[in-house]
Amino acid sequence: MPRTTAHRTAALAVTSLGPLLLGLWTAGPAQAHGAPTDPASRVYACSTDGGSASRSAACRAAVRASGGQLGAWDNLRVANVNGRDRQTIPDGELCSGGLSAYKGLDLARADWPSTRVAPGGTLRMTYVSTIPHKGTFKLYLTKPGYDPAKPLTWADLPQRPFAEVKDPALTGGAYRFSAKLPADRTGRQVLYTVWQNSSTPDTYYSCSDVVFPGAEASSPAAPTSAAPSTAPTPAASAPAAGGASGRPSASPSASGVPSPARGAVGAGNPAAPAADTASTPVADATGAGSGPSTPLVAGGAAAALLLTGGVALVLRLRRR
C-alpha cells in the first residue's frame, strides 16, 4: 500500500473511532448510584465493603435468602415511582425495595448490624454516591413500640418523614447532611431513607438499623458501632436484578459509575454514645469484592488506550 494511502487510512480510522471512544467514555453514569454508609445501611453493612459486619449472622442469613449474593450495595433503586412509595413498595419488602436481588434485607430479626444514636440528638448522615444528582432525601424512623422481630411495614413508619433534605451538595464522594432525631424512641429502630431523584427516574430505598439508649430489643451478638470507619473499597459488582412480574423492577443499570474515593465516609455521629469495647464496627475498608459498580473506569481506560494507539499508528506511518 502506498505511504500516502496508508496515512489516509490510519487517519480515517482514528477519526472514525473518535466519536465512538468518546461515547464509551461519557456514556457510563446515566443514573446516580448510592446508599447510606453512616448510619450504615443493611445493604452496605452486608456487602464485602462492610468488613466484619458482613460476617454477622444477620448478614450471612441475608445473603443466603437472596440466593447466595446480594446485589451491588449502591444500586438498590426502583424506576418511575414518582413519590408513590407506599403504593409501589409492598409491606414487608421495604428494605429490599421489592427487588428480589435484595430480598434477604427484609428478614425480620433483631441482630442486624446497628449504629448507636441519641434520642433528640443530631443525626449526621453520610450517603455515598458517585455523581451529583438533584433529588430529595426523606428520613423516616420507625414508631415507638416497633418490633424488629416482625416484617417492616409502612404502618411501622409515620406518614411524614422527620426530616427532608433537598439537593444537598455532593462533596468528597458523598452527600453529608444533618437532622434532629425524634426524642421519644428507645431501643432498636429502623432509619428508613428514601432518595427520590429529580434528575433521573430512580428512587433509592435503604434501611439503617439504629439503637437508642433504653430497652434494647436486640441480640447481644448484634454488632454495634458509633460509626463506620472508612469509605468502601472500589470493586466491580453485578447490577441489581428486577423483581418478579407485578413487582417493582430496577431501572436499567448505567454502564458504569466511578467508585467513591477512600476516606469519603464521614467521621460519624459524635452525639451518639461510644460503642462498647467488645462491639464490632459496622464497616471498615478491609473488605474487597462487591463494592459499588465501577465498569466506567475500565471502559474509560480502554477507550483511552485505543485512542492513544490510533494516534501512535498515524505518527509511525508519517515517519516512514
C-alpha atoms as a PDB file:
ATOM      1  CA  MET A   1       0.000   0.000   0.000  1.00  0.00           C
ATOM      2  CA  PRO A   2       1.495   3.426  -0.921  1.00  0.00           C
ATOM      3  CA  ARG A   3       2.639   5.504   2.041  1.00  0.00           C
ATOM      4  CA  THR A   4       0.127   8.292   1.352  1.00  0.00           C
ATOM      5  CA  THR A   5      -2.749   5.829   1.194  1.00  0.00           C
ATOM      6  CA  ALA A   6      -1.614   4.202   4.468  1.00  0.00           C
ATOM      7  CA  HIS A   7      -1.512   7.605   6.142  1.00  0.00           C
ATOM      8  CA  ARG A   8      -5.011   8.422   4.963  1.00  0.00           C
ATOM      9  CA  THR A   9      -6.378   5.019   6.040  1.00  0.00           C
ATOM     10  CA  ALA A  10      -4.910   5.296   9.534  1.00  0.00           C
ATOM     11  CA  ALA A  11      -6.087   8.870   9.966  1.00  0.00           C
ATOM     12  CA  LEU A  12      -9.556   7.925   8.796  1.00  0.00           C
ATOM     13  CA  ALA A  13      -9.666   5.055  11.288  1.00  0.00           C
ATOM     14  CA  VAL A  14      -8.714   7.307  14.199  1.00  0.00           C
ATOM     15  CA  THR A  15     -11.212   9.952  13.091  1.00  0.00           C
ATOM     16  CA  SER A  16     -13.975   7.366  12.826  1.00  0.00           C
ATOM     17  CA  LEU A  17     -13.160   5.823  16.193  1.00  0.00           C
ATOM     18  CA  GLY A  18     -13.033   9.169  17.958  1.00  0.00           C
ATOM     19  CA  PRO A  19     -16.791   9.697  18.475  1.00  0.00           C
ATOM     20  CA  LEU A  20     -17.245   6.037  19.407  1.00  0.00           C
ATOM     21  CA  LEU A  21     -14.482   6.149  22.019  1.00  0.00           C
ATOM     22  CA  LEU A  22     -15.785   9.428  23.373  1.00  0.00           C
ATOM     23  CA  GLY A  23     -19.202   7.804  23.689  1.00  0.00           C
ATOM     24  CA  LEU A  24     -17.710   4.915  25.652  1.00  0.00           C
ATOM     25  CA  TRP A  25     -16.051   7.400  27.964  1.00  0.00           C
ATOM     26  CA  THR A  26     -19.069   9.572  28.620  1.00  0.00           C
ATOM     27  CA  ALA A  27     -21.963   7.127  28.438  1.00  0.00           C
ATOM     28  CA  GLY A  28     -21.253   5.499  31.814  1.00  0.00           C
ATOM     29  CA  PRO A  29     -23.059   7.227  34.678  1.00  0.00           C
ATOM     30  CA  ALA A  30     -26.538   7.737  33.255  1.00  0.00           C
ATOM     31  CA  GLN A  31     -28.059   7.257  36.720  1.00  0.00           C
ATOM     32  CA  ALA A  32     -26.886   8.093  40.197  1.00  0.00           C
ATOM     33  CA  HIS A  33     -25.823   5.299  42.499  1.00  0.00           C
ATOM     34  CA  GLY A  34     -25.551   5.383  46.267  1.00  0.00           C
ATOM     35  CA  ALA A  35     -26.536   4.231  49.750  1.00  0.00           C
ATOM     36  CA  PRO A  36     -26.043   5.338  53.368  1.00  0.00           C
ATOM     37  CA  THR A  37     -22.757   4.267  54.894  1.00  0.00           C
ATOM     38  CA  ASP A  38     -23.262   6.192  58.153  1.00  0.00           C
ATOM     39  CA  PRO A  39     -25.510   5.120  59.762  1.00  0.00           C
ATOM     40  CA  ALA A  40     -24.649   2.026  57.745  1.00  0.00           C
ATOM     41  CA  SER A  41     -27.487   0.637  55.678  1.00  0.00           C
ATOM     42  CA  ARG A  42     -28.094  -3.102  55.715  1.00  0.00           C
ATOM     43  CA  VAL A  43     -27.098  -3.439  52.088  1.00  0.00           C
ATOM     44  CA  TYR A  44     -23.770  -1.692  52.732  1.00  0.00           C
ATOM     45  CA  ALA A  45     -23.030  -3.445  56.031  1.00  0.00           C
ATOM     46  CA  CYS A  46     -23.689  -6.847  54.455  1.00  0.00           C
ATOM     47  CA  SER A  47     -21.502  -6.203  51.413  1.00  0.00           C
ATOM     48  CA  THR A  48     -17.842  -7.151  51.411  1.00  0.00           C
ATOM     49  CA  ASP A  49     -17.125  -3.454  51.933  1.00  0.00           C
ATOM     50  CA  GLY A  50     -18.952  -3.764  55.264  1.00  0.00           C
ATOM     51  CA  GLY A  51     -15.952  -5.521  56.772  1.00  0.00           C
ATOM     52  CA  SER A  52     -16.575  -7.535  59.924  1.00  0.00           C
ATOM     53  CA  ALA A  53     -20.286  -6.633  59.920  1.00  0.00           C
ATOM     54  CA  SER A  54     -20.712  -8.590  56.697  1.00  0.00           C
ATOM     55  CA  ARG A  55     -19.797 -11.732  58.624  1.00  0.00           C
ATOM     56  CA  SER A  56     -22.560 -11.260  61.192  1.00  0.00           C
ATOM     57  CA  ALA A  57     -25.300 -13.877  61.492  1.00  0.00           C
ATOM     58  CA  ALA A  58     -27.892 -11.460  60.094  1.00  0.00           C
ATOM     59  CA  CYS A  59     -25.817 -10.637  57.027  1.00  0.00           C
ATOM     60  CA  ARG A  60     -24.997 -14.269  56.339  1.00  0.00           C
ATOM     61  CA  ALA A  61     -28.713 -15.067  56.514  1.00  0.00           C
ATOM     62  CA  ALA A  62     -29.498 -12.145  54.196  1.00  0.00           C
ATOM     63  CA  VAL A  63     -27.044 -13.369  51.582  1.00  0.00           C
ATOM     64  CA  ARG A  64     -28.461 -16.907  51.730  1.00  0.00           C
ATOM     65  CA  ALA A  65     -32.024 -15.621  51.420  1.00  0.00           C
ATOM     66  CA  SER A  66     -31.022 -13.531  48.393  1.00  0.00           C
ATOM     67  CA  GLY A  67     -29.753 -16.564  46.526  1.00  0.00           C
ATOM     68  CA  GLY A  68     -26.151 -16.523  47.696  1.00  0.00           C
ATOM     69  CA  GLN A  69     -25.239 -12.978  46.702  1.00  0.00           C
ATOM     70  CA  LEU A  70     -26.729  -9.544  47.321  1.00  0.00           C
ATOM     71  CA  GLY A  71     -26.956  -7.055  44.503  1.00  0.00           C
ATOM     72  CA  ALA A  72     -24.493  -4.155  44.343  1.00  0.00           C
ATOM     73  CA  TRP A  73     -24.858  -2.133  47.541  1.00  0.00           C
ATOM     74  CA  ASP A  74     -25.090   1.180  45.679  1.00  0.00           C
ATOM     75  CA  ASN A  75     -27.742   0.037  43.226  1.00  0.00           C
ATOM     76  CA  LEU A  76     -30.900  -0.629  45.254  1.00  0.00           C
ATOM     77  CA  ARG A  77     -33.192   1.509  43.144  1.00  0.00           C
ATOM     78  CA  VAL A  78     -36.602   1.377  41.516  1.00  0.00           C
ATOM     79  CA  ALA A  79     -37.539   3.417  38.465  1.00  0.00           C
ATOM     80  CA  ASN A  80     -40.610   5.572  37.872  1.00  0.00           C
ATOM     81  CA  VAL A  81     -42.015   5.540  41.399  1.00  0.00           C
ATOM     82  CA  ASN A  82     -42.616   9.300  41.286  1.00  0.00           C
ATOM     83  CA  GLY A  83     -43.363   9.649  45.001  1.00  0.00           C
ATOM     84  CA  ARG A  84     -45.809   6.710  45.100  1.00  0.00           C
ATOM     85  CA  ASP A  85     -43.594   4.807  47.549  1.00  0.00           C
ATOM     86  CA  ARG A  86     -46.406   3.321  49.644  1.00  0.00           C
ATOM     87  CA  GLN A  87     -48.307   2.221  46.568  1.00  0.00           C
ATOM     88  CA  THR A  88     -45.244   0.713  44.864  1.00  0.00           C
ATOM     89  CA  ILE A  89     -43.147  -0.949  47.568  1.00  0.00           C
ATOM     90  CA  PRO A  90     -45.026  -3.819  49.276  1.00  0.00           C
ATOM     91  CA  ASP A  91     -45.306  -4.206  53.042  1.00  0.00           C
ATOM     92  CA  GLY A  92     -42.608  -6.493  54.373  1.00  0.00           C
ATOM     93  CA  GLU A  93     -40.302  -5.566  51.467  1.00  0.00           C
ATOM     94  CA  LEU A  94     -39.344  -2.004  52.345  1.00  0.00           C
ATOM     95  CA  CYS A  95     -35.648  -2.732  52.891  1.00  0.00           C
ATOM     96  CA  SER A  96     -35.287  -4.537  49.560  1.00  0.00           C
ATOM     97  CA  GLY A  97     -37.410  -2.060  47.620  1.00  0.00           C
ATOM     98  CA  GLY A  98     -39.334  -5.108  46.418  1.00  0.00           C
ATOM     99  CA  LEU A  99     -36.303  -6.269  44.398  1.00  0.00           C
ATOM    100  CA  SER A 100     -35.552  -9.989  44.502  1.00  0.00           C
ATOM    101  CA  ALA A 101     -31.777  -9.461  44.417  1.00  0.00           C
ATOM    102  CA  TYR A 102     -32.034  -7.827  47.850  1.00  0.00           C
ATOM    103  CA  LYS A 103     -34.871  -9.801  49.466  1.00  0.00           C
ATOM    104  CA  GLY A 104     -32.631 -11.028  52.287  1.00  0.00           C
ATOM    105  CA  LEU A 105     -32.560  -7.474  53.649  1.00  0.00           C
ATOM    106  CA  ASP A 106     -36.228  -7.856  54.624  1.00  0.00           C
ATOM    107  CA  LEU A 107     -35.583 -10.637  57.155  1.00  0.00           C
ATOM    108  CA  ALA A 108     -37.307  -9.847  60.451  1.00  0.00           C
ATOM    109  CA  ARG A 109     -34.629 -10.197  63.107  1.00  0.00           C
ATOM    110  CA  ALA A 110     -33.168  -8.176  65.964  1.00  0.00           C
ATOM    111  CA  ASP A 111     -29.470  -8.703  65.353  1.00  0.00           C
ATOM    112  CA  TRP A 112     -28.759  -6.595  62.276  1.00  0.00           C
ATOM    113  CA  PRO A 113     -25.514  -4.590  62.473  1.00  0.00           C
ATOM    114  CA  SER A 114     -26.502  -1.281  64.037  1.00  0.00           C
ATOM    115  CA  THR A 115     -25.339   2.220  64.883  1.00  0.00           C
ATOM    116  CA  ARG A 116     -25.835   3.866  68.299  1.00  0.00           C
ATOM    117  CA  VAL A 117     -27.678   7.176  68.307  1.00  0.00           C
ATOM    118  CA  ALA A 118     -29.119   9.504  70.952  1.00  0.00           C
ATOM    119  CA  PRO A 119     -32.809  10.461  71.412  1.00  0.00           C
ATOM    120  CA  GLY A 120     -33.293  14.034  70.248  1.00  0.00           C
ATOM    121  CA  GLY A 121     -29.665  14.109  69.123  1.00  0.00           C
ATOM    122  CA  THR A 122     -28.184  15.124  65.813  1.00  0.00           C
ATOM    123  CA  LEU A 123     -28.092  12.512  63.087  1.00  0.00           C
ATOM    124  CA  ARG A 124     -25.191  13.112  60.723  1.00  0.00           C
ATOM    125  CA  MET A 125     -25.748  11.094  57.602  1.00  0.00           C
ATOM    126  CA  THR A 126     -23.141  10.143  55.037  1.00  0.00           C
ATOM    127  CA  TYR A 127     -24.768   8.926  51.844  1.00  0.00           C
ATOM    128  CA  VAL A 128     -22.058   7.766  49.471  1.00  0.00           C
ATOM    129  CA  SER A 129     -22.771   8.443  45.823  1.00  0.00           C
ATOM    130  CA  THR A 130     -20.834   8.583  42.607  1.00  0.00           C
ATOM    131  CA  ILE A 131     -22.071  11.504  40.528  1.00  0.00           C
ATOM    132  CA  PRO A 132     -24.068  14.566  41.588  1.00  0.00           C
ATOM    133  CA  HIS A 133     -27.800  14.444  41.034  1.00  0.00           C
ATOM    134  CA  LYS A 134     -30.726  16.528  42.119  1.00  0.00           C
ATOM    135  CA  GLY A 135     -33.218  14.937  44.443  1.00  0.00           C
ATOM    136  CA  THR A 136     -34.810  14.862  47.886  1.00  0.00           C
ATOM    137  CA  PHE A 137     -33.843  12.670  50.819  1.00  0.00           C
ATOM    138  CA  LYS A 138     -36.718  11.696  53.113  1.00  0.00           C
ATOM    139  CA  LEU A 139     -35.842  10.252  56.518  1.00  0.00           C
ATOM    140  CA  TYR A 140     -38.295   8.126  58.478  1.00  0.00           C
ATOM    141  CA  LEU A 141     -37.861   6.463  61.856  1.00  0.00           C
ATOM    142  CA  THR A 142     -39.970   3.540  62.991  1.00  0.00           C
ATOM    143  CA  LYS A 143     -42.658   4.415  65.526  1.00  0.00           C
ATOM    144  CA  PRO A 144     -42.330   3.841  69.283  1.00  0.00           C
ATOM    145  CA  GLY A 145     -43.076   0.202  70.014  1.00  0.00           C
ATOM    146  CA  TYR A 146     -41.622  -1.062  66.742  1.00  0.00           C
ATOM    147  CA  ASP A 147     -40.932  -4.809  66.919  1.00  0.00           C
ATOM    148  CA  PRO A 148     -37.831  -5.802  64.926  1.00  0.00           C
ATOM    149  CA  ALA A 149     -38.936  -9.443  65.082  1.00  0.00           C
ATOM    150  CA  LYS A 150     -41.775  -8.634  62.661  1.00  0.00           C
ATOM    151  CA  PRO A 151     -41.525  -7.651  58.972  1.00  0.00           C
ATOM    152  CA  LEU A 152     -41.203  -3.905  58.436  1.00  0.00           C
ATOM    153  CA  THR A 153     -44.396  -2.385  57.023  1.00  0.00           C
ATOM    154  CA  TRP A 154     -45.499   1.092  56.067  1.00  0.00           C
ATOM    155  CA  ALA A 155     -47.683   1.119  59.178  1.00  0.00           C
ATOM    156  CA  ASP A 156     -44.472   0.985  61.252  1.00  0.00           C
ATOM    157  CA  LEU A 157     -43.445   4.362  59.811  1.00  0.00           C
ATOM    158  CA  PRO A 158     -45.083   7.757  60.377  1.00  0.00           C
ATOM    159  CA  GLN A 159     -46.954   9.268  57.462  1.00  0.00           C
ATOM    160  CA  ARG A 160     -44.468  12.125  57.277  1.00  0.00           C
ATOM    161  CA  PRO A 161     -40.671  11.923  57.467  1.00  0.00           C
ATOM    162  CA  PHE A 162     -38.962  13.556  60.437  1.00  0.00           C
ATOM    163  CA  ALA A 163     -36.592  15.291  58.007  1.00  0.00           C
ATOM    164  CA  GLU A 164     -36.351  16.158  54.308  1.00  0.00           C
ATOM    165  CA  VAL A 165     -33.201  17.387  52.609  1.00  0.00           C
ATOM    166  CA  LYS A 166     -33.390  18.700  49.066  1.00  0.00           C
ATOM    167  CA  ASP A 167     -30.478  18.882  46.639  1.00  0.00           C
ATOM    168  CA  PRO A 168     -27.531  18.652  49.066  1.00  0.00           C
ATOM    169  CA  ALA A 169     -24.077  19.066  47.567  1.00  0.00           C
ATOM    170  CA  LEU A 170     -22.028  16.016  46.654  1.00  0.00           C
ATOM    171  CA  THR A 171     -18.600  16.543  48.229  1.00  0.00           C
ATOM    172  CA  GLY A 172     -15.800  14.032  48.523  1.00  0.00           C
ATOM    173  CA  GLY A 173     -17.904  11.256  47.038  1.00  0.00           C
ATOM    174  CA  ALA A 174     -20.841  11.609  49.432  1.00  0.00           C
ATOM    175  CA  TYR A 175     -23.856  13.663  50.419  1.00  0.00           C
ATOM    176  CA  ARG A 176     -23.481  14.776  54.036  1.00  0.00           C
ATOM    177  CA  PHE A 177     -26.295  16.369  55.974  1.00  0.00           C
ATOM    178  CA  SER A 178     -27.688  16.563  59.484  1.00  0.00           C
ATOM    179  CA  ALA A 179     -31.139  16.183  61.023  1.00  0.00           C
ATOM    180  CA  LYS A 180     -32.532  16.191  64.551  1.00  0.00           C
ATOM    181  CA  LEU A 181     -33.730  12.775  65.675  1.00  0.00           C
ATOM    182  CA  PRO A 182     -37.071  12.309  67.458  1.00  0.00           C
ATOM    183  CA  ALA A 183     -36.710  12.305  71.231  1.00  0.00           C
ATOM    184  CA  ASP A 184     -39.267   9.604  72.044  1.00  0.00           C
ATOM    185  CA  ARG A 185     -37.530   6.467  70.764  1.00  0.00           C
ATOM    186  CA  THR A 186     -35.762   3.776  72.774  1.00  0.00           C
ATOM    187  CA  GLY A 187     -34.113   0.521  71.866  1.00  0.00           C
ATOM    188  CA  ARG A 188     -33.730  -0.824  68.351  1.00  0.00           C
ATOM    189  CA  GLN A 189     -35.322   1.118  65.489  1.00  0.00           C
ATOM    190  CA  VAL A 190     -35.008   1.364  61.724  1.00  0.00           C
ATOM    191  CA  LEU A 191     -33.980   4.543  59.940  1.00  0.00           C
ATOM    192  CA  TYR A 192     -35.676   4.338  56.548  1.00  0.00           C
ATOM    193  CA  THR A 193     -34.178   6.573  53.866  1.00  0.00           C
ATOM    194  CA  VAL A 194     -35.888   7.354  50.575  1.00  0.00           C
ATOM    195  CA  TRP A 195     -33.859   9.251  47.980  1.00  0.00           C
ATOM    196  CA  GLN A 196     -36.101  10.351  45.125  1.00  0.00           C
ATOM    197  CA  ASN A 197     -34.046  11.655  42.230  1.00  0.00           C
ATOM    198  CA  SER A 198     -35.421  14.562  40.252  1.00  0.00           C
ATOM    199  CA  SER A 199     -32.782  14.402  37.504  1.00  0.00           C
ATOM    200  CA  THR A 200     -33.240  10.651  36.915  1.00  0.00           C
ATOM    201  CA  PRO A 201     -36.368   8.452  37.145  1.00  0.00           C
ATOM    202  CA  ASP A 202     -34.910   6.485  40.064  1.00  0.00           C
ATOM    203  CA  THR A 203     -35.825   6.255  43.736  1.00  0.00           C
ATOM    204  CA  TYR A 204     -33.448   4.590  46.205  1.00  0.00           C
ATOM    205  CA  TYR A 205     -34.506   2.823  49.409  1.00  0.00           C
ATOM    206  CA  SER A 206     -32.449   1.793  52.410  1.00  0.00           C
ATOM    207  CA  CYS A 207     -32.795   0.522  55.960  1.00  0.00           C
ATOM    208  CA  SER A 208     -30.217   1.521  58.574  1.00  0.00           C
ATOM    209  CA  ASP A 209     -30.578  -0.168  61.958  1.00  0.00           C
ATOM    210  CA  VAL A 210     -30.031   2.199  64.886  1.00  0.00           C
ATOM    211  CA  VAL A 211     -30.094   1.685  68.643  1.00  0.00           C
ATOM    212  CA  PHE A 212     -31.217   4.287  71.176  1.00  0.00           C
ATOM    213  CA  PRO A 213     -30.380   4.013  74.887  1.00  0.00           C
ATOM    214  CA  GLY A 214     -33.086   2.146  76.759  1.00  0.00           C
ATOM    215  CA  ALA A 215     -34.752  -1.227  76.475  1.00  0.00           C
ATOM    216  CA  GLU A 216     -32.754  -2.571  73.565  1.00  0.00           C
ATOM    217  CA  ALA A 217     -34.572  -5.427  71.863  1.00  0.00           C
ATOM    218  CA  SER A 218     -31.539  -6.803  70.122  1.00  0.00           C
ATOM    219  CA  SER A 219     -29.414  -9.890  70.439  1.00  0.00           C
ATOM    220  CA  PRO A 220     -26.123  -9.450  72.369  1.00  0.00           C
ATOM    221  CA  ALA A 221     -24.391 -10.768  69.253  1.00  0.00           C
ATOM    222  CA  ALA A 222     -25.587  -7.897  67.094  1.00  0.00           C
ATOM    223  CA  PRO A 223     -22.579  -5.751  66.126  1.00  0.00           C
ATOM    224  CA  THR A 224     -22.977  -2.088  67.016  1.00  0.00           C
ATOM    225  CA  SER A 225     -20.868   0.962  66.348  1.00  0.00           C
ATOM    226  CA  ALA A 226     -20.891   4.707  66.711  1.00  0.00           C
ATOM    227  CA  ALA A 227     -19.869   4.965  63.051  1.00  0.00           C
ATOM    228  CA  PRO A 228     -18.258   3.052  60.193  1.00  0.00           C
ATOM    229  CA  SER A 229     -14.579   3.805  59.854  1.00  0.00           C
ATOM    230  CA  THR A 230     -13.752   4.412  56.203  1.00  0.00           C
ATOM    231  CA  ALA A 231     -15.096   4.579  52.697  1.00  0.00           C
ATOM    232  CA  PRO A 232     -15.760   1.413  50.711  1.00  0.00           C
ATOM    233  CA  THR A 233     -13.056  -0.265  48.710  1.00  0.00           C
ATOM    234  CA  PRO A 234     -13.636   0.194  44.966  1.00  0.00           C
ATOM    235  CA  ALA A 235     -14.519  -3.079  43.250  1.00  0.00           C
ATOM    236  CA  ALA A 236     -16.719  -4.339  40.427  1.00  0.00           C
ATOM    237  CA  SER A 237     -20.134  -5.835  41.115  1.00  0.00           C
ATOM    238  CA  ALA A 238     -23.161  -7.190  39.342  1.00  0.00           C
ATOM    239  CA  PRO A 239     -26.143  -4.846  38.933  1.00  0.00           C
ATOM    240  CA  ALA A 240     -29.358  -5.419  40.811  1.00  0.00           C
ATOM    241  CA  ALA A 241     -31.884  -7.795  39.367  1.00  0.00           C
ATOM    242  CA  GLY A 242     -35.502  -6.810  38.924  1.00  0.00           C
ATOM    243  CA  GLY A 243     -38.375  -8.307  40.828  1.00  0.00           C
ATOM    244  CA  ALA A 244     -40.907 -10.804  39.612  1.00  0.00           C
ATOM    245  CA  SER A 245     -43.835  -9.879  37.423  1.00  0.00           C
ATOM    246  CA  GLY A 246     -46.149  -7.408  39.094  1.00  0.00           C
ATOM    247  CA  ARG A 247     -43.415  -6.256  41.491  1.00  0.00           C
ATOM    248  CA  PRO A 248     -41.097  -3.256  41.310  1.00  0.00           C
ATOM    249  CA  SER A 249     -38.253  -3.668  38.854  1.00  0.00           C
ATOM    250  CA  ALA A 250     -34.907  -1.966  38.957  1.00  0.00           C
ATOM    251  CA  SER A 251     -34.224   0.645  36.346  1.00  0.00           C
ATOM    252  CA  PRO A 252     -31.680  -0.368  33.703  1.00  0.00           C
ATOM    253  CA  SER A 253     -28.191  -0.189  35.128  1.00  0.00           C
ATOM    254  CA  ALA A 254     -25.901   2.515  33.894  1.00  0.00           C
ATOM    255  CA  SER A 255     -22.909   1.214  32.010  1.00  0.00           C
ATOM    256  CA  GLY A 256     -20.762   2.231  34.949  1.00  0.00           C
ATOM    257  CA  VAL A 257     -20.112   4.670  37.733  1.00  0.00           C
ATOM    258  CA  PRO A 258     -16.868   5.768  39.371  1.00  0.00           C
ATOM    259  CA  SER A 259     -16.353   4.343  42.833  1.00  0.00           C
ATOM    260  CA  PRO A 260     -16.245   6.658  45.858  1.00  0.00           C
ATOM    261  CA  ALA A 261     -12.808   7.734  46.929  1.00  0.00           C
ATOM    262  CA  ARG A 262     -11.272   6.234  50.052  1.00  0.00           C
ATOM    263  CA  GLY A 263     -11.972   8.443  53.031  1.00  0.00           C
ATOM    264  CA  ALA A 264     -15.289   9.655  51.660  1.00  0.00           C
ATOM    265  CA  VAL A 265     -17.293   8.370  54.604  1.00  0.00           C
ATOM    266  CA  GLY A 266     -17.742  10.884  57.407  1.00  0.00           C
ATOM    267  CA  ALA A 267     -16.402  10.654  60.927  1.00  0.00           C
ATOM    268  CA  GLY A 268     -19.734   9.515  62.294  1.00  0.00           C
ATOM    269  CA  ASN A 269     -22.233  10.836  64.813  1.00  0.00           C
ATOM    270  CA  PRO A 270     -20.429  12.432  67.767  1.00  0.00           C
ATOM    271  CA  ALA A 271     -23.748  12.827  69.558  1.00  0.00           C
ATOM    272  CA  ALA A 272     -24.094   9.075  69.867  1.00  0.00           C
ATOM    273  CA  PRO A 273     -22.741   7.233  72.936  1.00  0.00           C
ATOM    274  CA  ALA A 274     -19.465   5.427  72.474  1.00  0.00           C
ATOM    275  CA  ALA A 275     -19.751   1.801  71.404  1.00  0.00           C
ATOM    276  CA  ASP A 276     -18.926  -0.985  73.836  1.00  0.00           C
ATOM    277  CA  THR A 277     -15.321  -2.077  73.684  1.00  0.00           C
ATOM    278  CA  ALA A 278     -16.445  -5.577  72.750  1.00  0.00           C
ATOM    279  CA  SER A 279     -18.610  -4.379  69.885  1.00  0.00           C
ATOM    280  CA  THR A 280     -17.763  -4.804  66.249  1.00  0.00           C
ATOM    281  CA  PRO A 281     -17.566  -1.798  63.920  1.00  0.00           C
ATOM    282  CA  VAL A 282     -20.337  -1.701  61.363  1.00  0.00           C
ATOM    283  CA  ALA A 283     -17.997  -1.232  58.439  1.00  0.00           C
ATOM    284  CA  ASP A 284     -14.365  -0.975  57.548  1.00  0.00           C
ATOM    285  CA  ALA A 285     -12.234  -0.858  54.429  1.00  0.00           C
ATOM    286  CA  THR A 286     -10.653  -4.274  54.744  1.00  0.00           C
ATOM    287  CA  GLY A 287     -13.180  -5.976  52.513  1.00  0.00           C
ATOM    288  CA  ALA A 288     -12.813  -6.214  48.772  1.00  0.00           C
ATOM    289  CA  GLY A 289     -15.396  -7.689  46.490  1.00  0.00           C
ATOM    290  CA  SER A 290     -18.873  -6.490  45.691  1.00  0.00           C
ATOM    291  CA  GLY A 291     -18.448  -2.762  46.253  1.00  0.00           C
ATOM    292  CA  PRO A 292     -20.028  -0.050  44.161  1.00  0.00           C
ATOM    293  CA  SER A 293     -20.403  -0.739  40.469  1.00  0.00           C
ATOM    294  CA  THR A 294     -17.335   0.507  38.538  1.00  0.00           C
ATOM    295  CA  PRO A 295     -17.250  -0.602  34.884  1.00  0.00           C
ATOM    296  CA  LEU A 296     -16.903   3.029  33.768  1.00  0.00           C
ATOM    297  CA  VAL A 297     -13.306   3.163  34.952  1.00  0.00           C
ATOM    298  CA  ALA A 298     -12.328   0.116  32.912  1.00  0.00           C
ATOM    299  CA  GLY A 299     -14.317   1.307  29.902  1.00  0.00           C
ATOM    300  CA  GLY A 300     -12.761   4.753  30.025  1.00  0.00           C
ATOM    301  CA  ALA A 301      -9.271   3.327  30.352  1.00  0.00           C
ATOM    302  CA  ALA A 302      -9.845   1.017  27.384  1.00  0.00           C
ATOM    303  CA  ALA A 303     -11.139   3.884  25.300  1.00  0.00           C
ATOM    304  CA  ALA A 304      -8.097   5.986  26.156  1.00  0.00           C
ATOM    305  CA  LEU A 305      -5.723   3.151  25.230  1.00  0.00           C
ATOM    306  CA  LEU A 306      -7.453   2.602  21.886  1.00  0.00           C
ATOM    307  CA  LEU A 307      -7.382   6.289  21.056  1.00  0.00           C
ATOM    308  CA  THR A 308      -3.721   6.577  22.070  1.00  0.00           C
ATOM    309  CA  GLY A 309      -2.867   3.536  19.943  1.00  0.00           C
ATOM    310  CA  GLY A 310      -4.572   5.064  16.919  1.00  0.00           C
ATOM    311  CA  VAL A 311      -2.623   8.307  17.252  1.00  0.00           C
ATOM    312  CA  ALA A 312       0.624   6.381  17.647  1.00  0.00           C
ATOM    313  CA  LEU A 313      -0.122   4.477  14.424  1.00  0.00           C
ATOM    314  CA  VAL A 314      -0.575   7.689  12.478  1.00  0.00           C
ATOM    315  CA  LEU A 315       2.706   9.113  13.807  1.00  0.00           C
ATOM    316  CA  ARG A 316       4.620   5.916  12.990  1.00  0.00           C
ATOM    317  CA  LEU A 317       3.347   5.891   9.393  1.00  0.00           C
ATOM    318  CA  ARG A 318       4.276   9.545   8.926  1.00  0.00           C
ATOM    319  CA  ARG A 319       7.875   8.805   9.962  1.00  0.00           C
ATOM    320  CA  ARG A 320       8.263   6.105   7.306  1.00  0.00           C
END
